[in-house]
Amino acid sequence: MSESEARLLADHEALQFECELLRAEARRLVSMNRTLEAKLTLAEGESEALRGHITAMERSRPWRVAQLFRRFLGRKW
């Protein structure tokens, strides 16, 4: 085997190794992305539920009465 063939073979092996490392990193990142998307979906659901509870609370009569008293006392949320 000539020197240039040996160099090409070494370059080829180095590139194969680098490609395998990149594929492994890509698989790890895809897995992480799926995990984060699932967590985001859960957080968005919880956020919607909390917004619903806050809206219901702010529309309730006791809340409105409490805010009326706060305005009379000089404090408003």
C-alpha atoms as a PDB file:
ATOM      1  CA  MET A   1       0.000   0.000   0.000  1.00  0.00           C
ATOM      2  CA  SER A   2       1.398   3.353  -0.993  1.00  0.00           C
ATOM      3  CA  GLU A   3       1.652   6.365   1.284  1.00  0.00           C
ATOM      4  CA  SER A   4      -1.214   8.170  -0.449  1.00  0.00           C
ATOM      5  CA  GLU A   5      -3.468   5.092  -0.164  1.00  0.00           C
ATOM      6  CA  ALA A   6      -2.628   4.782   3.538  1.00  0.00           C
ATOM      7  CA  ARG A   7      -3.405   8.465   4.035  1.00  0.00           C
ATOM      8  CA  LEU A   8      -6.738   8.094   2.191  1.00  0.00           C
ATOM      9  CA  LEU A   9      -7.616   5.041   4.264  1.00  0.00           C
ATOM     10  CA  ALA A  10      -6.767   6.886   7.497  1.00  0.00           C
ATOM     11  CA  ASP A  11      -8.825   9.909   6.392  1.00  0.00           C
ATOM     12  CA  HIS A  12     -11.716   7.614   5.491  1.00  0.00           C
ATOM     13  CA  GLU A  13     -11.607   5.908   8.899  1.00  0.00           C
ATOM     14  CA  ALA A  14     -11.394   9.271  10.676  1.00  0.00           C
ATOM     15  CA  LEU A  15     -14.401  10.539   8.714  1.00  0.00           C
ATOM     16  CA  GLN A  16     -16.377   7.374   9.462  1.00  0.00           C
ATOM     17  CA  PHE A  17     -15.641   7.824  13.167  1.00  0.00           C
ATOM     18  CA  GLU A  18     -16.666  11.480  13.033  1.00  0.00           C
ATOM     19  CA  CYS A  19     -19.872  10.598  11.187  1.00  0.00           C
ATOM     20  CA  GLU A  20     -20.736   8.001  13.827  1.00  0.00           C
ATOM     21  CA  LEU A  21     -20.155  10.556  16.581  1.00  0.00           C
ATOM     22  CA  LEU A  22     -22.381  13.046  14.767  1.00  0.00           C
ATOM     23  CA  ARG A  23     -25.115  10.438  14.280  1.00  0.00           C
ATOM     24  CA  ALA A  24     -25.004   9.570  17.986  1.00  0.00           C
ATOM     25  CA  GLU A  25     -25.220  13.264  18.897  1.00  0.00           C
ATOM     26  CA  ALA A  26     -28.133  13.724  16.491  1.00  0.00           C
ATOM     27  CA  ARG A  27     -29.979  10.783  18.112  1.00  0.00           C
ATOM     28  CA  ARG A  28     -29.348  12.289  21.566  1.00  0.00           C
ATOM     29  CA  LEU A  29     -30.640  15.687  20.466  1.00  0.00           C
ATOM     30  CA  VAL A  30     -33.747  14.191  18.842  1.00  0.00           C
ATOM     31  CA  SER A  31     -34.481  12.330  22.064  1.00  0.00           C
ATOM     32  CA  MET A  32     -33.967  15.485  24.118  1.00  0.00           C
ATOM     33  CA  ASN A  33     -36.224  17.425  21.758  1.00  0.00           C
ATOM     34  CA  ARG A  34     -39.018  14.854  22.193  1.00  0.00           C
ATOM     35  CA  THR A  35     -38.662  15.058  25.973  1.00  0.00           C
ATOM     36  CA  LEU A  36     -38.775  18.856  25.942  1.00  0.00           C
ATOM     37  CA  GLU A  37     -41.776  18.895  23.601  1.00  0.00           C
ATOM     38  CA  ALA A  38     -43.645  16.580  25.981  1.00  0.00           C
ATOM     39  CA  LYS A  39     -42.773  18.791  28.952  1.00  0.00           C
ATOM     40  CA  LEU A  40     -43.879  21.873  27.019  1.00  0.00           C
ATOM     41  CA  THR A  41     -47.194  20.241  26.165  1.00  0.00           C
ATOM     42  CA  LEU A  42     -47.784  19.485  29.855  1.00  0.00           C
ATOM     43  CA  ALA A  43     -46.827  23.017  30.870  1.00  0.00           C
ATOM     44  CA  GLU A  44     -49.133  24.538  28.257  1.00  0.00           C
ATOM     45  CA  GLY A  45     -52.011  22.415  29.549  1.00  0.00           C
ATOM     46  CA  GLU A  46     -51.343  23.492  33.126  1.00  0.00           C
ATOM     47  CA  SER A  47     -51.097  27.108  32.004  1.00  0.00           C
ATOM     48  CA  GLU A  48     -54.487  26.924  30.302  1.00  0.00           C
ATOM     49  CA  ALA A  49     -56.031  25.358  33.403  1.00  0.00           C
ATOM     50  CA  LEU A  50     -54.572  28.074  35.632  1.00  0.00           C
ATOM     51  CA  ARG A  51     -55.811  30.801  33.290  1.00  0.00           C
ATOM     52  CA  GLY A  52     -59.268  29.271  33.485  1.00  0.00           C
ATOM     53  CA  HIS A  53     -59.168  29.233  37.289  1.00  0.00           C
ATOM     54  CA  ILE A  54     -57.957  32.832  37.442  1.00  0.00           C
ATOM     55  CA  THR A  55     -60.643  33.966  35.009  1.00  0.00           C
ATOM     56  CA  ALA A  56     -63.335  32.175  37.012  1.00  0.00           C
ATOM     57  CA  MET A  57     -62.026  33.706  40.237  1.00  0.00           C
ATOM     58  CA  GLU A  58     -61.910  37.231  38.777  1.00  0.00           C
ATOM     59  CA  ARG A  59     -65.474  36.889  37.497  1.00  0.00           C
ATOM     60  CA  SER A  60     -66.782  35.683  40.847  1.00  0.00           C
ATOM     61  CA  ARG A  61     -68.876  37.994  42.959  1.00  0.00           C
ATOM     62  CA  PRO A  62     -66.656  37.744  46.069  1.00  0.00           C
ATOM     63  CA  TRP A  63     -63.629  38.799  44.020  1.00  0.00           C
ATOM     64  CA  ARG A  64     -65.423  41.764  42.530  1.00  0.00           C
ATOM     65  CA  VAL A  65     -66.690  42.836  45.961  1.00  0.00           C
ATOM     66  CA  ALA A  66     -63.178  42.530  47.404  1.00  0.00           C
ATOM     67  CA  GLN A  67     -61.825  44.677  44.562  1.00  0.00           C
ATOM     68  CA  LEU A  68     -64.538  47.256  45.165  1.00  0.00           C
ATOM     69  CA  PHE A  69     -63.487  47.502  48.828  1.00  0.00           C
ATOM     70  CA  ARG A  70     -59.832  47.750  47.811  1.00  0.00           C
ATOM     71  CA  ARG A  71     -60.657  50.665  45.496  1.00  0.00           C
ATOM     72  CA  PHE A  72     -62.452  52.460  48.307  1.00  0.00           C
ATOM     73  CA  LEU A  73     -59.416  51.954  50.514  1.00  0.00           C
ATOM     74  CA  GLY A  74     -57.140  53.368  47.808  1.00  0.00           C
ATOM     75  CA  ARG A  75     -55.530  50.134  46.624  1.00  0.00           C
ATOM     76  CA  LYS A  76     -56.328  48.357  43.417  1.00  0.00           C
ATOM     77  CA  TRP A  77     -54.810  45.250  41.901  1.00  0.00           C
END
